[in-house]
């Protein structure tokens, strides 16, 4: 595992220390890793949403749509 050193203003360091103590993180490194994972997941989700938007017009998701979807799921068995 690689090491990364970061500098924080006292206010942010105090906040991070409080988060570690109050949220059962074992260390500030674990807390920062969790923040980075969340940011990575948010970036992936954002990209998936944009891919969907760029894919063009969708179809109306009414009762008939779900009926067709159920038929396709049953046929795929």
PDB file of N, CA and C in Angstrom:
ATOM      1  N   UNK A   1       0.858  -1.183   0.000  1.00  0.00           N
ATOM      2  CA  UNK A   1       0.000   0.000   0.000  1.00  0.00           C
ATOM      3  C   UNK A   1       0.894   1.232   0.000  1.00  0.00           C
ATOM      4  N   UNK A   2       0.556   2.178  -0.842  1.00  0.00           N
ATOM      5  CA  UNK A   2       1.326   3.415  -0.944  1.00  0.00           C
ATOM      6  C   UNK A   2       0.966   4.369   0.190  1.00  0.00           C
ATOM      7  N   UNK A   3       1.867   5.255   0.476  1.00  0.00           N
ATOM      8  CA  UNK A   3       1.656   6.258   1.525  1.00  0.00           C
ATOM      9  C   UNK A   3       1.482   7.622   0.890  1.00  0.00           C
ATOM     10  N   UNK A   4       0.560   8.419   1.476  1.00  0.00           N
ATOM     11  CA  UNK A   4       0.332   9.787   1.010  1.00  0.00           C
ATOM     12  C   UNK A   4       0.250  10.673   2.241  1.00  0.00           C
ATOM     13  N   UNK A   5       1.027  11.709   2.254  1.00  0.00           N
ATOM     14  CA  UNK A   5       0.979  12.671   3.356  1.00  0.00           C
ATOM     15  C   UNK A   5       0.167  13.876   2.908  1.00  0.00           C
ATOM     16  N   UNK A   6      -0.708  14.346   3.772  1.00  0.00           N
ATOM     17  CA  UNK A   6      -1.504  15.533   3.454  1.00  0.00           C
ATOM     18  C   UNK A   6      -1.377  16.548   4.585  1.00  0.00           C
ATOM     19  N   UNK A   7      -1.537  17.793   4.243  1.00  0.00           N
ATOM     20  CA  UNK A   7      -1.521  18.863   5.239  1.00  0.00           C
ATOM     21  C   UNK A   7      -2.931  19.417   5.349  1.00  0.00           C
ATOM     22  N   UNK A   8      -3.363  19.631   6.585  1.00  0.00           N
ATOM     23  CA  UNK A   8      -4.702  20.161   6.835  1.00  0.00           C
ATOM     24  C   UNK A   8      -4.614  21.353   7.766  1.00  0.00           C
ATOM     25  N   UNK A   9      -5.470  22.340   7.559  1.00  0.00           N
ATOM     26  CA  UNK A   9      -5.585  23.406   8.557  1.00  0.00           C
ATOM     27  C   UNK A   9      -6.094  22.783   9.867  1.00  0.00           C
ATOM     28  N   UNK A  10      -5.798  23.441  10.974  1.00  0.00           N
ATOM     29  CA  UNK A  10      -6.175  22.912  12.291  1.00  0.00           C
ATOM     30  C   UNK A  10      -7.660  22.579  12.372  1.00  0.00           C
ATOM     31  N   UNK A  11      -8.497  23.434  11.784  1.00  0.00           N
ATOM     32  CA  UNK A  11      -9.950  23.208  11.850  1.00  0.00           C
ATOM     33  C   UNK A  11     -10.343  21.896  11.169  1.00  0.00           C
ATOM     34  N   UNK A  12      -9.774  21.641   9.982  1.00  0.00           N
ATOM     35  CA  UNK A  12     -10.098  20.390   9.293  1.00  0.00           C
ATOM     36  C   UNK A  12      -9.504  19.184  10.003  1.00  0.00           C
ATOM     37  N   UNK A  13      -8.330  19.332  10.562  1.00  0.00           N
ATOM     38  CA  UNK A  13      -7.718  18.229  11.315  1.00  0.00           C
ATOM     39  C   UNK A  13      -8.591  17.880  12.523  1.00  0.00           C
ATOM     40  N   UNK A  14      -9.079  18.891  13.226  1.00  0.00           N
ATOM     41  CA  UNK A  14      -9.944  18.648  14.384  1.00  0.00           C
ATOM     42  C   UNK A  14     -11.233  17.958  13.950  1.00  0.00           C
ATOM     43  N   UNK A  15     -11.793  18.396  12.827  1.00  0.00           N
ATOM     44  CA  UNK A  15     -13.012  17.769  12.320  1.00  0.00           C
ATOM     45  C   UNK A  15     -12.749  16.311  11.966  1.00  0.00           C
ATOM     46  N   UNK A  16     -11.658  16.047  11.269  1.00  0.00           N
ATOM     47  CA  UNK A  16     -11.314  14.667  10.900  1.00  0.00           C
ATOM     48  C   UNK A  16     -11.115  13.813  12.145  1.00  0.00           C
ATOM     49  N   UNK A  17     -10.420  14.332  13.125  1.00  0.00           N
ATOM     50  CA  UNK A  17     -10.207  13.588  14.369  1.00  0.00           C
ATOM     51  C   UNK A  17     -11.529  13.271  15.052  1.00  0.00           C
ATOM     52  N   UNK A  18     -12.441  14.232  15.047  1.00  0.00           N
ATOM     53  CA  UNK A  18     -13.759  14.013  15.645  1.00  0.00           C
ATOM     54  C   UNK A  18     -14.521  12.933  14.876  1.00  0.00           C
ATOM     55  N   UNK A  19     -14.460  12.973  13.544  1.00  0.00           N
ATOM     56  CA  UNK A  19     -15.137  11.956  12.736  1.00  0.00           C
ATOM     57  C   UNK A  19     -14.578  10.568  13.031  1.00  0.00           C
ATOM     58  N   UNK A  20     -13.276  10.460  13.161  1.00  0.00           N
ATOM     59  CA  UNK A  20     -12.648   9.174  13.456  1.00  0.00           C
ATOM     60  C   UNK A  20     -13.142   8.660  14.811  1.00  0.00           C
ATOM     61  N   UNK A  21     -13.152   9.527  15.802  1.00  0.00           N
ATOM     62  CA  UNK A  21     -13.551   9.115  17.146  1.00  0.00           C
ATOM     63  C   UNK A  21     -15.037   8.797  17.246  1.00  0.00           C
ATOM     64  N   UNK A  22     -15.870   9.551  16.546  1.00  0.00           N
ATOM     65  CA  UNK A  22     -17.311   9.384  16.729  1.00  0.00           C
ATOM     66  C   UNK A  22     -17.949   8.410  15.747  1.00  0.00           C
ATOM     67  N   UNK A  23     -17.245   7.998  14.708  1.00  0.00           N
ATOM     68  CA  UNK A  23     -17.833   7.109  13.705  1.00  0.00           C
ATOM     69  C   UNK A  23     -17.128   5.763  13.624  1.00  0.00           C
ATOM     70  N   UNK A  24     -16.384   5.450  14.641  1.00  0.00           N
ATOM     71  CA  UNK A  24     -15.757   4.132  14.765  1.00  0.00           C
ATOM     72  C   UNK A  24     -14.773   3.793  13.651  1.00  0.00           C
ATOM     73  N   UNK A  25     -14.138   4.822  13.079  1.00  0.00           N
ATOM     74  CA  UNK A  25     -13.026   4.556  12.176  1.00  0.00           C
ATOM     75  C   UNK A  25     -11.824   4.202  13.040  1.00  0.00           C
ATOM     76  N   UNK A  26     -10.993   3.305  12.556  1.00  0.00           N
ATOM     77  CA  UNK A  26      -9.833   2.912  13.364  1.00  0.00           C
ATOM     78  C   UNK A  26      -8.687   3.914  13.266  1.00  0.00           C
ATOM     79  N   UNK A  27      -8.714   4.738  12.223  1.00  0.00           N
ATOM     80  CA  UNK A  27      -7.637   5.715  12.049  1.00  0.00           C
ATOM     81  C   UNK A  27      -8.088   6.807  11.084  1.00  0.00           C
ATOM     82  N   UNK A  28      -7.315   7.878  11.058  1.00  0.00           N
ATOM     83  CA  UNK A  28      -7.613   8.928  10.096  1.00  0.00           C
ATOM     84  C   UNK A  28      -7.395   8.426   8.677  1.00  0.00           C
ATOM     85  N   UNK A  29      -6.479   7.495   8.475  1.00  0.00           N
ATOM     86  CA  UNK A  29      -6.268   6.920   7.145  1.00  0.00           C
ATOM     87  C   UNK A  29      -7.509   6.181   6.668  1.00  0.00           C
ATOM     88  N   UNK A  30      -8.132   5.436   7.572  1.00  0.00           N
ATOM     89  CA  UNK A  30      -9.359   4.725   7.200  1.00  0.00           C
ATOM     90  C   UNK A  30     -10.466   5.712   6.836  1.00  0.00           C
ATOM     91  N   UNK A  31     -10.559   6.799   7.565  1.00  0.00           N
ATOM     92  CA  UNK A  31     -11.556   7.831   7.287  1.00  0.00           C
ATOM     93  C   UNK A  31     -11.318   8.446   5.903  1.00  0.00           C
ATOM     94  N   UNK A  32     -10.080   8.794   5.600  1.00  0.00           N
ATOM     95  CA  UNK A  32      -9.763   9.397   4.305  1.00  0.00           C
ATOM     96  C   UNK A  32     -10.007   8.399   3.179  1.00  0.00           C
ATOM     97  N   UNK A  33      -9.637   7.133   3.377  1.00  0.00           N
ATOM     98  CA  UNK A  33      -9.918   6.121   2.352  1.00  0.00           C
ATOM     99  C   UNK A  33     -11.410   6.024   2.077  1.00  0.00           C
ATOM    100  N   UNK A  34     -12.222   6.064   3.126  1.00  0.00           N
ATOM    101  CA  UNK A  34     -13.675   6.003   2.953  1.00  0.00           C
ATOM    102  C   UNK A  34     -14.184   7.213   2.168  1.00  0.00           C
ATOM    103  N   UNK A  35     -13.668   8.397   2.463  1.00  0.00           N
ATOM    104  CA  UNK A  35     -14.071   9.591   1.717  1.00  0.00           C
ATOM    105  C   UNK A  35     -13.698   9.471   0.243  1.00  0.00           C
ATOM    106  N   UNK A  36     -12.512   8.942  -0.032  1.00  0.00           N
ATOM    107  CA  UNK A  36     -12.079   8.788  -1.419  1.00  0.00           C
ATOM    108  C   UNK A  36     -12.944   7.756  -2.128  1.00  0.00           C
ATOM    109  N   UNK A  37     -13.271   6.650  -1.455  1.00  0.00           N
ATOM    110  CA  UNK A  37     -14.150   5.638  -2.058  1.00  0.00           C
ATOM    111  C   UNK A  37     -15.513   6.232  -2.388  1.00  0.00           C
ATOM    112  N   UNK A  38     -16.068   7.019  -1.465  1.00  0.00           N
ATOM    113  CA  UNK A  38     -17.369   7.650  -1.723  1.00  0.00           C
ATOM    114  C   UNK A  38     -17.300   8.584  -2.923  1.00  0.00           C
ATOM    115  N   UNK A  39     -16.232   9.358  -3.006  1.00  0.00           N
ATOM    116  CA  UNK A  39     -16.080  10.279  -4.122  1.00  0.00           C
ATOM    117  C   UNK A  39     -15.934   9.505  -5.434  1.00  0.00           C
ATOM    118  N   UNK A  40     -15.174   8.408  -5.408  1.00  0.00           N
ATOM    119  CA  UNK A  40     -15.030   7.565  -6.600  1.00  0.00           C
ATOM    120  C   UNK A  40     -16.378   7.006  -7.017  1.00  0.00           C
ATOM    121  N   UNK A  41     -17.155   6.495  -6.038  1.00  0.00           N
ATOM    122  CA  UNK A  41     -18.482   5.947  -6.346  1.00  0.00           C
ATOM    123  C   UNK A  41     -19.417   7.011  -6.899  1.00  0.00           C
ATOM    124  N   UNK A  42     -19.350   8.220  -6.335  1.00  0.00           N
ATOM    125  CA  UNK A  42     -20.177   9.326  -6.848  1.00  0.00           C
ATOM    126  C   UNK A  42     -19.785   9.675  -8.278  1.00  0.00           C
ATOM    127  N   UNK A  43     -18.485   9.666  -8.570  1.00  0.00           N
ATOM    128  CA  UNK A  43     -18.030   9.971  -9.933  1.00  0.00           C
ATOM    129  C   UNK A  43     -18.518   8.899 -10.906  1.00  0.00           C
ATOM    130  N   UNK A  44     -18.480   7.637 -10.485  1.00  0.00           N
ATOM    131  CA  UNK A  44     -18.978   6.555 -11.345  1.00  0.00           C
ATOM    132  C   UNK A  44     -20.480   6.694 -11.591  1.00  0.00           C
ATOM    133  N   UNK A  45     -21.216   7.007 -10.541  1.00  0.00           N
ATOM    134  CA  UNK A  45     -22.658   7.181 -10.681  1.00  0.00           C
ATOM    135  C   UNK A  45     -22.969   8.363 -11.592  1.00  0.00           C
ATOM    136  N   UNK A  46     -22.262   9.458 -11.399  1.00  0.00           N
ATOM    137  CA  UNK A  46     -22.455  10.646 -12.237  1.00  0.00           C
ATOM    138  C   UNK A  46     -22.201  10.301 -13.705  1.00  0.00           C
ATOM    139  N   UNK A  47     -21.142   9.539 -13.976  1.00  0.00           N
ATOM    140  CA  UNK A  47     -20.819   9.158 -15.345  1.00  0.00           C
ATOM    141  C   UNK A  47     -21.888   8.230 -15.923  1.00  0.00           C
ATOM    142  N   UNK A  48     -22.418   7.321 -15.107  1.00  0.00           N
ATOM    143  CA  UNK A  48     -23.481   6.425 -15.575  1.00  0.00           C
ATOM    144  C   UNK A  48     -24.739   7.215 -15.926  1.00  0.00           C
ATOM    145  N   UNK A  49     -25.069   8.208 -15.117  1.00  0.00           N
ATOM    146  CA  UNK A  49     -26.236   9.050 -15.404  1.00  0.00           C
ATOM    147  C   UNK A  49     -26.012   9.822 -16.693  1.00  0.00           C
ATOM    148  N   UNK A  50     -24.831  10.379 -16.860  1.00  0.00           N
ATOM    149  CA  UNK A  50     -24.541  11.120 -18.095  1.00  0.00           C
ATOM    150  C   UNK A  50     -24.558  10.192 -19.307  1.00  0.00           C
ATOM    151  N   UNK A  51     -24.056   8.960 -19.167  1.00  0.00           N
ATOM    152  CA  UNK A  51     -24.132   7.989 -20.263  1.00  0.00           C
ATOM    153  C   UNK A  51     -25.587   7.741 -20.649  1.00  0.00           C
ATOM    154  N   UNK A  52     -26.447   7.624 -19.645  1.00  0.00           N
ATOM    155  CA  UNK A  52     -27.867   7.420 -19.914  1.00  0.00           C
ATOM    156  C   UNK A  52     -28.485   8.600 -20.637  1.00  0.00           C
ATOM    157  N   UNK A  53     -28.123   9.784 -20.212  1.00  0.00           N
ATOM    158  CA  UNK A  53     -28.649  10.985 -20.863  1.00  0.00           C
ATOM    159  C   UNK A  53     -28.176  11.056 -22.312  1.00  0.00           C
ATOM    160  N   UNK A  54     -26.896  10.724 -22.529  1.00  0.00           N
ATOM    161  CA  UNK A  54     -26.324  10.791 -23.881  1.00  0.00           C
ATOM    162  C   UNK A  54     -26.831   9.670 -24.788  1.00  0.00           C
ATOM    163  N   UNK A  55     -27.450   8.640 -24.223  1.00  0.00           N
ATOM    164  CA  UNK A  55     -27.864   7.487 -25.033  1.00  0.00           C
ATOM    165  C   UNK A  55     -29.101   7.777 -25.879  1.00  0.00           C
ATOM    166  N   UNK A  56     -29.699   8.919 -25.679  1.00  0.00           N
ATOM    167  CA  UNK A  56     -30.843   9.290 -26.506  1.00  0.00           C
ATOM    168  C   UNK A  56     -32.156   9.176 -25.761  1.00  0.00           C
ATOM    169  N   UNK A  57     -33.215   9.336 -26.533  1.00  0.00           N
ATOM    170  CA  UNK A  57     -34.541   9.303 -25.942  1.00  0.00           C
ATOM    171  C   UNK A  57     -34.845   7.913 -25.393  1.00  0.00           C
ATOM    172  N   UNK A  58     -35.487   7.890 -24.279  1.00  0.00           N
ATOM    173  CA  UNK A  58     -35.889   6.633 -23.667  1.00  0.00           C
ATOM    174  C   UNK A  58     -37.318   6.300 -24.032  1.00  0.00           C
ATOM    175  N   UNK A  59     -37.832   5.295 -23.368  1.00  0.00           N
ATOM    176  CA  UNK A  59     -39.227   4.929 -23.600  1.00  0.00           C
ATOM    177  C   UNK A  59     -40.029   5.216 -22.335  1.00  0.00           C
ATOM    178  N   UNK A  60     -41.284   5.390 -22.517  1.00  0.00           N
ATOM    179  CA  UNK A  60     -42.157   5.665 -21.381  1.00  0.00           C
ATOM    180  C   UNK A  60     -42.250   4.419 -20.509  1.00  0.00           C
ATOM    181  N   UNK A  61     -42.099   4.598 -19.217  1.00  0.00           N
ATOM    182  CA  UNK A  61     -42.122   3.475 -18.286  1.00  0.00           C
ATOM    183  C   UNK A  61     -43.508   3.396 -17.637  1.00  0.00           C
ATOM    184  N   UNK A  62     -44.459   2.936 -18.428  1.00  0.00           N
ATOM    185  CA  UNK A  62     -45.822   2.784 -17.938  1.00  0.00           C
ATOM    186  C   UNK A  62     -46.082   1.304 -17.654  1.00  0.00           C
ATOM    187  N   UNK A  63     -47.311   0.973 -17.343  1.00  0.00           N
ATOM    188  CA  UNK A  63     -47.659  -0.414 -17.010  1.00  0.00           C
ATOM    189  C   UNK A  63     -47.335  -1.362 -18.162  1.00  0.00           C
ATOM    190  N   UNK A  64     -47.561  -0.931 -19.393  1.00  0.00           N
ATOM    191  CA  UNK A  64     -47.273  -1.779 -20.553  1.00  0.00           C
ATOM    192  C   UNK A  64     -45.771  -2.066 -20.660  1.00  0.00           C
ATOM    193  N   UNK A  65     -44.961  -1.090 -20.347  1.00  0.00           N
ATOM    194  CA  UNK A  65     -43.510  -1.276 -20.381  1.00  0.00           C
ATOM    195  C   UNK A  65     -43.109  -2.387 -19.412  1.00  0.00           C
ATOM    196  N   UNK A  66     -43.627  -2.328 -18.188  1.00  0.00           N
ATOM    197  CA  UNK A  66     -43.268  -3.340 -17.198  1.00  0.00           C
ATOM    198  C   UNK A  66     -43.844  -4.702 -17.558  1.00  0.00           C
ATOM    199  N   UNK A  67     -45.005  -4.736 -18.193  1.00  0.00           N
ATOM    200  CA  UNK A  67     -45.547  -6.011 -18.669  1.00  0.00           C
ATOM    201  C   UNK A  67     -44.601  -6.633 -19.695  1.00  0.00           C
ATOM    202  N   UNK A  68     -44.119  -5.831 -20.631  1.00  0.00           N
ATOM    203  CA  UNK A  68     -43.172  -6.340 -21.637  1.00  0.00           C
ATOM    204  C   UNK A  68     -41.876  -6.808 -20.978  1.00  0.00           C
ATOM    205  N   UNK A  69     -41.431  -6.082 -19.985  1.00  0.00           N
ATOM    206  CA  UNK A  69     -40.207  -6.438 -19.277  1.00  0.00           C
ATOM    207  C   UNK A  69     -40.372  -7.780 -18.553  1.00  0.00           C
ATOM    208  N   UNK A  70     -41.526  -7.983 -17.930  1.00  0.00           N
ATOM    209  CA  UNK A  70     -41.794  -9.264 -17.250  1.00  0.00           C
ATOM    210  C   UNK A  70     -41.792 -10.423 -18.245  1.00  0.00           C
ATOM    211  N   UNK A  71     -42.396 -10.220 -19.413  1.00  0.00           N
ATOM    212  CA  UNK A  71     -42.415 -11.262 -20.437  1.00  0.00           C
ATOM    213  C   UNK A  71     -40.989 -11.596 -20.868  1.00  0.00           C
ATOM    214  N   UNK A  72     -40.181 -10.578 -21.091  1.00  0.00           N
ATOM    215  CA  UNK A  72     -38.796 -10.820 -21.500  1.00  0.00           C
ATOM    216  C   UNK A  72     -38.037 -11.567 -20.418  1.00  0.00           C
ATOM    217  N   UNK A  73     -38.272 -11.243 -19.146  1.00  0.00           N
ATOM    218  CA  UNK A  73     -37.574 -11.907 -18.045  1.00  0.00           C
ATOM    219  C   UNK A  73     -38.000 -13.382 -17.966  1.00  0.00           C
ATOM    220  N   UNK A  74     -39.278 -13.648 -18.155  1.00  0.00           N
ATOM    221  CA  UNK A  74     -39.775 -15.023 -18.113  1.00  0.00           C
ATOM    222  C   UNK A  74     -39.220 -15.815 -19.293  1.00  0.00           C
ATOM    223  N   UNK A  75     -39.214 -15.215 -20.476  1.00  0.00           N
ATOM    224  CA  UNK A  75     -38.700 -15.891 -21.662  1.00  0.00           C
ATOM    225  C   UNK A  75     -37.210 -16.181 -21.558  1.00  0.00           C
ATOM    226  N   UNK A  76     -36.494 -15.379 -20.804  1.00  0.00           N
ATOM    227  CA  UNK A  76     -35.045 -15.541 -20.680  1.00  0.00           C
ATOM    228  C   UNK A  76     -34.676 -16.709 -19.773  1.00  0.00           C
ATOM    229  N   UNK A  77     -35.621 -17.239 -19.045  1.00  0.00           N
ATOM    230  CA  UNK A  77     -35.316 -18.355 -18.121  1.00  0.00           C
ATOM    231  C   UNK A  77     -34.931 -19.545 -18.853  1.00  0.00           C
TER     232      UNK A  77
END
